[in-house]
Amino acid sequence: MYPTLPESEPDVQLSYVSLPTATGDVTAVLPWPTAPGTYPAVVVGAGAWGLTSEMVDVARRLAGQGYVTIMPDYLRGEGFGDTDHDDMPRLMRFIDSLDFRRASDDLFAGASHLAGLDPSQPVFASRDP
């Protein structure tokens, strides 16, 4: 369902985390720099196709630039994944049916998760969704 996380790099660690929301838990990818330090945080939207390998790579690259990054899957596993990116009519129907209020809540859950991290401690998270 979710992309396999690439092997960790010396400067970036990636994990999946589960975020509690009012409408149930949402899975998010959480990349962070591994060097000791305090880093700014950013919440990234997964895009119209969902949590794809390409979007996970965007979050990983942001972590490589010194950001703790979180990308909630506000499509809740129902996104296109890494296939069917040429089917624009299907994509438009999918976007029309998206619950934008729930998606916004999922992004805010990501921000809350980042706000709750202790900047003096390493980020701890599960590797698997």
N, C-alpha and C. Protein backbone atom coordinates (compact mmCIF):
# COMPACT_ATOMS: atom_id res chain seq x y z
N MET A 1 0.82 -1.19 0.00
CA MET A 1 0.00 0.00 0.00
C MET A 1 0.87 1.25 0.00
N TYR A 2 1.88 1.34 0.87
CA TYR A 2 2.76 2.50 0.92
C TYR A 2 4.08 2.15 0.27
N PRO A 3 4.76 3.16 -0.28
CA PRO A 3 6.06 2.89 -0.90
C PRO A 3 7.04 2.34 0.12
N THR A 4 7.88 1.46 -0.34
CA THR A 4 8.97 0.97 0.51
C THR A 4 9.92 2.14 0.74
N LEU A 5 10.29 2.33 1.97
CA LEU A 5 11.21 3.42 2.27
C LEU A 5 12.59 3.06 1.75
N PRO A 6 13.28 4.01 1.14
CA PRO A 6 14.64 3.73 0.69
C PRO A 6 15.53 3.46 1.88
N GLU A 7 16.60 2.76 1.64
CA GLU A 7 17.55 2.52 2.72
C GLU A 7 17.98 3.86 3.30
N SER A 8 18.19 3.87 4.60
CA SER A 8 18.61 5.11 5.24
C SER A 8 19.94 5.56 4.69
N GLU A 9 20.09 6.85 4.61
CA GLU A 9 21.33 7.45 4.18
C GLU A 9 22.07 7.92 5.42
N PRO A 10 23.36 8.19 5.30
CA PRO A 10 24.09 8.62 6.49
C PRO A 10 23.53 9.88 7.13
N ASP A 11 22.92 10.77 6.30
CA ASP A 11 22.47 12.06 6.85
C ASP A 11 20.97 12.16 7.06
N VAL A 12 20.20 11.13 6.67
CA VAL A 12 18.74 11.17 6.78
C VAL A 12 18.21 9.82 7.24
N GLN A 13 17.26 9.86 8.16
CA GLN A 13 16.55 8.66 8.60
C GLN A 13 15.09 8.82 8.20
N LEU A 14 14.44 7.73 7.76
CA LEU A 14 13.02 7.78 7.38
C LEU A 14 12.26 6.73 8.16
N SER A 15 11.04 7.08 8.53
CA SER A 15 10.14 6.14 9.20
C SER A 15 8.71 6.47 8.84
N TYR A 16 7.84 5.51 9.04
CA TYR A 16 6.40 5.76 9.02
C TYR A 16 5.94 5.89 10.46
N VAL A 17 5.00 6.81 10.70
CA VAL A 17 4.40 6.98 12.02
C VAL A 17 2.89 7.00 11.86
N SER A 18 2.19 6.71 12.94
CA SER A 18 0.74 6.77 12.96
C SER A 18 0.33 7.99 13.78
N LEU A 19 -0.52 8.83 13.19
CA LEU A 19 -0.96 10.05 13.86
C LEU A 19 -2.43 9.93 14.24
N PRO A 20 -2.77 10.17 15.50
CA PRO A 20 -4.18 10.12 15.89
C PRO A 20 -4.92 11.37 15.40
N THR A 21 -6.12 11.15 14.88
CA THR A 21 -7.00 12.26 14.48
C THR A 21 -8.41 11.93 14.96
N ALA A 22 -9.30 12.90 14.85
CA ALA A 22 -10.69 12.69 15.26
C ALA A 22 -11.40 11.65 14.39
N THR A 23 -10.90 11.41 13.19
CA THR A 23 -11.54 10.45 12.28
C THR A 23 -10.72 9.17 12.12
N GLY A 24 -9.83 8.91 13.06
CA GLY A 24 -9.01 7.71 13.02
C GLY A 24 -7.56 8.05 12.74
N ASP A 25 -6.71 7.07 12.91
CA ASP A 25 -5.28 7.30 12.71
C ASP A 25 -4.95 7.47 11.23
N VAL A 26 -3.95 8.29 10.98
CA VAL A 26 -3.45 8.50 9.62
C VAL A 26 -1.96 8.18 9.62
N THR A 27 -1.52 7.48 8.58
CA THR A 27 -0.11 7.15 8.43
C THR A 27 0.62 8.34 7.82
N ALA A 28 1.84 8.58 8.27
CA ALA A 28 2.66 9.66 7.73
C ALA A 28 4.09 9.16 7.58
N VAL A 29 4.79 9.68 6.60
CA VAL A 29 6.22 9.42 6.48
C VAL A 29 6.94 10.55 7.22
N LEU A 30 7.98 10.17 7.96
CA LEU A 30 8.70 11.12 8.81
C LEU A 30 10.20 10.99 8.54
N PRO A 31 10.75 11.83 7.67
CA PRO A 31 12.20 11.87 7.49
C PRO A 31 12.82 12.97 8.36
N TRP A 32 14.03 12.73 8.85
CA TRP A 32 14.70 13.73 9.66
C TRP A 32 16.21 13.62 9.48
N PRO A 33 16.92 14.74 9.69
CA PRO A 33 18.38 14.71 9.64
C PRO A 33 18.92 13.91 10.83
N THR A 34 19.96 13.15 10.61
CA THR A 34 20.50 12.31 11.70
C THR A 34 21.59 13.00 12.50
N ALA A 35 22.17 14.07 11.98
CA ALA A 35 23.22 14.76 12.72
C ALA A 35 22.61 15.44 13.94
N PRO A 36 23.34 15.45 15.06
CA PRO A 36 22.84 16.15 16.25
C PRO A 36 22.56 17.62 15.93
N GLY A 37 21.51 18.14 16.52
CA GLY A 37 21.17 19.54 16.30
C GLY A 37 19.69 19.78 16.43
N THR A 38 19.31 21.03 16.38
CA THR A 38 17.92 21.43 16.39
C THR A 38 17.57 21.88 14.98
N TYR A 39 16.47 21.36 14.43
CA TYR A 39 16.12 21.62 13.04
C TYR A 39 14.72 22.21 12.93
N PRO A 40 14.49 23.05 11.93
CA PRO A 40 13.13 23.51 11.66
C PRO A 40 12.29 22.34 11.14
N ALA A 41 11.00 22.48 11.25
CA ALA A 41 10.10 21.41 10.83
C ALA A 41 9.17 21.91 9.73
N VAL A 42 8.75 20.98 8.87
CA VAL A 42 7.84 21.33 7.79
C VAL A 42 6.85 20.18 7.57
N VAL A 43 5.59 20.54 7.33
CA VAL A 43 4.55 19.57 6.97
C VAL A 43 4.37 19.68 5.46
N VAL A 44 4.40 18.53 4.79
CA VAL A 44 4.29 18.50 3.33
C VAL A 44 3.03 17.75 2.94
N GLY A 45 2.25 18.32 2.02
CA GLY A 45 1.08 17.62 1.49
C GLY A 45 1.52 16.56 0.50
N ALA A 46 0.83 15.43 0.51
CA ALA A 46 1.24 14.28 -0.30
C ALA A 46 0.92 14.44 -1.78
N GLY A 47 0.11 15.40 -2.16
CA GLY A 47 -0.22 15.57 -3.56
C GLY A 47 -1.43 14.77 -3.97
N ALA A 48 -1.88 14.99 -5.19
CA ALA A 48 -3.13 14.39 -5.67
C ALA A 48 -3.06 12.88 -5.83
N TRP A 49 -1.88 12.33 -6.06
CA TRP A 49 -1.77 10.88 -6.26
C TRP A 49 -1.53 10.14 -4.95
N GLY A 50 -1.35 10.84 -3.87
CA GLY A 50 -1.14 10.20 -2.59
C GLY A 50 0.33 10.08 -2.23
N LEU A 51 0.60 9.23 -1.29
CA LEU A 51 1.95 9.05 -0.77
C LEU A 51 2.72 8.14 -1.73
N THR A 52 3.31 8.73 -2.74
CA THR A 52 4.04 7.99 -3.77
C THR A 52 5.53 7.98 -3.45
N SER A 53 6.26 7.15 -4.16
CA SER A 53 7.72 7.12 -4.00
C SER A 53 8.32 8.48 -4.29
N GLU A 54 7.79 9.16 -5.30
CA GLU A 54 8.30 10.48 -5.66
C GLU A 54 8.08 11.48 -4.51
N MET A 55 6.90 11.45 -3.89
CA MET A 55 6.63 12.37 -2.79
C MET A 55 7.46 12.03 -1.56
N VAL A 56 7.65 10.75 -1.28
CA VAL A 56 8.53 10.35 -0.17
C VAL A 56 9.94 10.88 -0.42
N ASP A 57 10.38 10.85 -1.68
CA ASP A 57 11.70 11.36 -2.01
C ASP A 57 11.78 12.88 -1.79
N VAL A 58 10.70 13.60 -2.08
CA VAL A 58 10.68 15.05 -1.80
C VAL A 58 10.90 15.29 -0.31
N ALA A 59 10.18 14.56 0.52
CA ALA A 59 10.32 14.72 1.97
C ALA A 59 11.73 14.33 2.42
N ARG A 60 12.29 13.27 1.83
CA ARG A 60 13.65 12.84 2.18
C ARG A 60 14.67 13.92 1.81
N ARG A 61 14.48 14.53 0.64
CA ARG A 61 15.42 15.58 0.22
C ARG A 61 15.33 16.80 1.12
N LEU A 62 14.12 17.14 1.58
CA LEU A 62 13.99 18.24 2.53
C LEU A 62 14.75 17.93 3.82
N ALA A 63 14.64 16.69 4.30
CA ALA A 63 15.39 16.30 5.50
C ALA A 63 16.89 16.40 5.24
N GLY A 64 17.31 16.06 4.03
CA GLY A 64 18.72 16.18 3.68
C GLY A 64 19.20 17.63 3.68
N GLN A 65 18.26 18.57 3.55
CA GLN A 65 18.59 19.99 3.59
C GLN A 65 18.46 20.57 5.00
N GLY A 66 18.16 19.69 5.99
CA GLY A 66 18.14 20.15 7.37
C GLY A 66 16.77 20.43 7.96
N TYR A 67 15.74 19.76 7.47
CA TYR A 67 14.38 19.93 8.00
C TYR A 67 13.85 18.60 8.53
N VAL A 68 13.23 18.62 9.70
CA VAL A 68 12.42 17.48 10.13
C VAL A 68 11.12 17.62 9.35
N THR A 69 10.76 16.59 8.61
CA THR A 69 9.65 16.68 7.67
C THR A 69 8.62 15.61 7.99
N ILE A 70 7.35 15.95 7.85
CA ILE A 70 6.30 14.95 8.00
C ILE A 70 5.32 15.11 6.84
N MET A 71 4.90 13.97 6.29
CA MET A 71 3.97 13.98 5.17
C MET A 71 2.84 12.99 5.47
N PRO A 72 1.72 13.49 6.04
CA PRO A 72 0.58 12.61 6.31
C PRO A 72 -0.08 12.14 5.00
N ASP A 73 -0.55 10.92 5.02
CA ASP A 73 -1.27 10.38 3.86
C ASP A 73 -2.74 10.70 4.02
N TYR A 74 -3.11 11.94 3.68
CA TYR A 74 -4.50 12.36 3.85
C TYR A 74 -5.44 11.64 2.90
N LEU A 75 -4.91 10.85 1.98
CA LEU A 75 -5.75 10.02 1.12
C LEU A 75 -6.02 8.66 1.78
N ARG A 76 -5.40 8.43 2.94
CA ARG A 76 -5.64 7.24 3.77
C ARG A 76 -5.47 5.94 2.99
N GLY A 77 -4.42 5.86 2.19
CA GLY A 77 -4.12 4.63 1.46
C GLY A 77 -4.93 4.43 0.20
N GLU A 78 -5.78 5.39 -0.15
CA GLU A 78 -6.65 5.27 -1.32
C GLU A 78 -6.10 5.97 -2.55
N GLY A 79 -4.90 6.54 -2.44
CA GLY A 79 -4.31 7.26 -3.56
C GLY A 79 -3.88 6.33 -4.67
N PHE A 80 -3.44 6.90 -5.74
CA PHE A 80 -3.04 6.14 -6.93
C PHE A 80 -1.73 5.40 -6.71
N GLY A 81 -0.94 5.84 -5.75
CA GLY A 81 0.37 5.24 -5.56
C GLY A 81 1.29 5.58 -6.73
N ASP A 82 2.12 4.63 -7.11
CA ASP A 82 3.11 4.87 -8.15
C ASP A 82 2.62 4.49 -9.55
N THR A 83 1.31 4.28 -9.73
CA THR A 83 0.78 3.89 -11.03
C THR A 83 -0.37 4.79 -11.45
N ASP A 84 -0.80 4.65 -12.68
CA ASP A 84 -1.99 5.32 -13.21
C ASP A 84 -1.92 6.84 -13.23
N HIS A 85 -0.74 7.42 -13.33
CA HIS A 85 -0.63 8.87 -13.31
C HIS A 85 -1.11 9.52 -14.59
N ASP A 86 -1.40 8.74 -15.63
CA ASP A 86 -1.89 9.31 -16.88
C ASP A 86 -3.41 9.35 -16.96
N ASP A 87 -4.10 8.78 -16.00
CA ASP A 87 -5.55 8.72 -16.03
C ASP A 87 -6.14 9.98 -15.37
N MET A 88 -6.12 11.09 -16.10
CA MET A 88 -6.57 12.36 -15.54
C MET A 88 -8.06 12.39 -15.21
N PRO A 89 -8.95 11.80 -16.03
CA PRO A 89 -10.36 11.80 -15.63
C PRO A 89 -10.57 11.09 -14.29
N ARG A 90 -9.88 9.97 -14.09
CA ARG A 90 -10.00 9.25 -12.81
C ARG A 90 -9.45 10.12 -11.68
N LEU A 91 -8.34 10.79 -11.92
CA LEU A 91 -7.76 11.65 -10.90
C LEU A 91 -8.72 12.77 -10.52
N MET A 92 -9.35 13.40 -11.51
CA MET A 92 -10.28 14.49 -11.22
C MET A 92 -11.49 14.00 -10.43
N ARG A 93 -12.00 12.81 -10.76
CA ARG A 93 -13.11 12.23 -9.96
C ARG A 93 -12.66 11.98 -8.53
N PHE A 94 -11.44 11.52 -8.38
CA PHE A 94 -10.89 11.23 -7.06
C PHE A 94 -10.76 12.52 -6.25
N ILE A 95 -10.23 13.56 -6.87
CA ILE A 95 -10.07 14.84 -6.17
C ILE A 95 -11.44 15.41 -5.79
N ASP A 96 -12.43 15.28 -6.69
CA ASP A 96 -13.78 15.76 -6.39
C ASP A 96 -14.38 15.07 -5.17
N SER A 97 -13.97 13.83 -4.91
CA SER A 97 -14.55 13.09 -3.79
C SER A 97 -13.74 13.22 -2.50
N LEU A 98 -12.61 13.92 -2.56
CA LEU A 98 -11.74 14.05 -1.39
C LEU A 98 -12.42 14.87 -0.30
N ASP A 99 -12.33 14.40 0.92
CA ASP A 99 -12.83 15.12 2.08
C ASP A 99 -11.74 16.10 2.53
N PHE A 100 -11.82 17.34 2.04
CA PHE A 100 -10.77 18.32 2.29
C PHE A 100 -10.69 18.71 3.76
N ARG A 101 -11.79 18.67 4.46
CA ARG A 101 -11.75 18.98 5.91
C ARG A 101 -10.93 17.91 6.64
N ARG A 102 -11.18 16.63 6.33
CA ARG A 102 -10.42 15.55 6.96
C ARG A 102 -8.94 15.64 6.56
N ALA A 103 -8.69 15.94 5.27
CA ALA A 103 -7.31 16.07 4.80
C ALA A 103 -6.59 17.19 5.56
N SER A 104 -7.29 18.30 5.77
CA SER A 104 -6.70 19.41 6.53
C SER A 104 -6.41 18.99 7.96
N ASP A 105 -7.35 18.26 8.57
CA ASP A 105 -7.13 17.76 9.93
C ASP A 105 -5.90 16.85 9.99
N ASP A 106 -5.70 16.04 8.95
CA ASP A 106 -4.53 15.15 8.91
C ASP A 106 -3.24 15.96 8.84
N LEU A 107 -3.24 17.03 8.04
CA LEU A 107 -2.05 17.88 7.97
C LEU A 107 -1.79 18.57 9.31
N PHE A 108 -2.87 19.02 9.98
CA PHE A 108 -2.70 19.62 11.31
C PHE A 108 -2.20 18.58 12.32
N ALA A 109 -2.61 17.33 12.18
CA ALA A 109 -2.10 16.27 13.06
C ALA A 109 -0.59 16.11 12.86
N GLY A 110 -0.14 16.24 11.62
CA GLY A 110 1.30 16.20 11.35
C GLY A 110 2.02 17.34 12.04
N ALA A 111 1.45 18.54 11.97
CA ALA A 111 2.05 19.69 12.63
C ALA A 111 2.08 19.50 14.14
N SER A 112 1.00 18.95 14.69
CA SER A 112 0.96 18.69 16.14
C SER A 112 2.02 17.68 16.54
N HIS A 113 2.20 16.67 15.71
CA HIS A 113 3.23 15.66 16.01
C HIS A 113 4.61 16.31 16.04
N LEU A 114 4.89 17.14 15.04
CA LEU A 114 6.19 17.80 15.01
C LEU A 114 6.36 18.75 16.19
N ALA A 115 5.30 19.47 16.55
CA ALA A 115 5.36 20.41 17.67
C ALA A 115 5.63 19.69 18.99
N GLY A 116 5.21 18.42 19.08
CA GLY A 116 5.40 17.66 20.31
C GLY A 116 6.75 17.00 20.44
N LEU A 117 7.58 17.07 19.41
CA LEU A 117 8.91 16.46 19.48
C LEU A 117 9.83 17.32 20.33
N ASP A 118 10.65 16.68 21.12
CA ASP A 118 11.64 17.37 21.95
C ASP A 118 12.86 17.65 21.07
N PRO A 119 13.16 18.90 20.77
CA PRO A 119 14.26 19.20 19.86
C PRO A 119 15.63 18.78 20.38
N SER A 120 15.72 18.49 21.67
CA SER A 120 17.02 18.06 22.21
C SER A 120 17.20 16.54 22.12
N GLN A 121 16.16 15.83 21.65
CA GLN A 121 16.22 14.38 21.56
C GLN A 121 16.14 13.93 20.11
N PRO A 122 16.72 12.77 19.80
CA PRO A 122 16.55 12.25 18.44
C PRO A 122 15.08 11.89 18.20
N VAL A 123 14.69 11.85 16.95
CA VAL A 123 13.33 11.47 16.57
C VAL A 123 13.25 9.95 16.64
N PHE A 124 12.25 9.43 17.33
CA PHE A 124 12.05 7.99 17.40
C PHE A 124 10.73 7.66 16.72
N ALA A 125 10.74 6.68 15.84
CA ALA A 125 9.53 6.32 15.10
C ALA A 125 9.64 4.89 14.62
N SER A 126 8.51 4.34 14.25
CA SER A 126 8.45 2.99 13.69
C SER A 126 8.92 3.02 12.25
N ARG A 127 9.55 1.96 11.80
CA ARG A 127 10.00 1.88 10.40
C ARG A 127 8.86 1.45 9.48
N ASP A 128 7.93 0.67 9.95
CA ASP A 128 6.87 0.11 9.11
C ASP A 128 5.55 0.82 9.34
N PRO A 129 4.71 0.93 8.25
CA PRO A 129 3.40 1.57 8.43
C PRO A 129 2.47 0.71 9.25
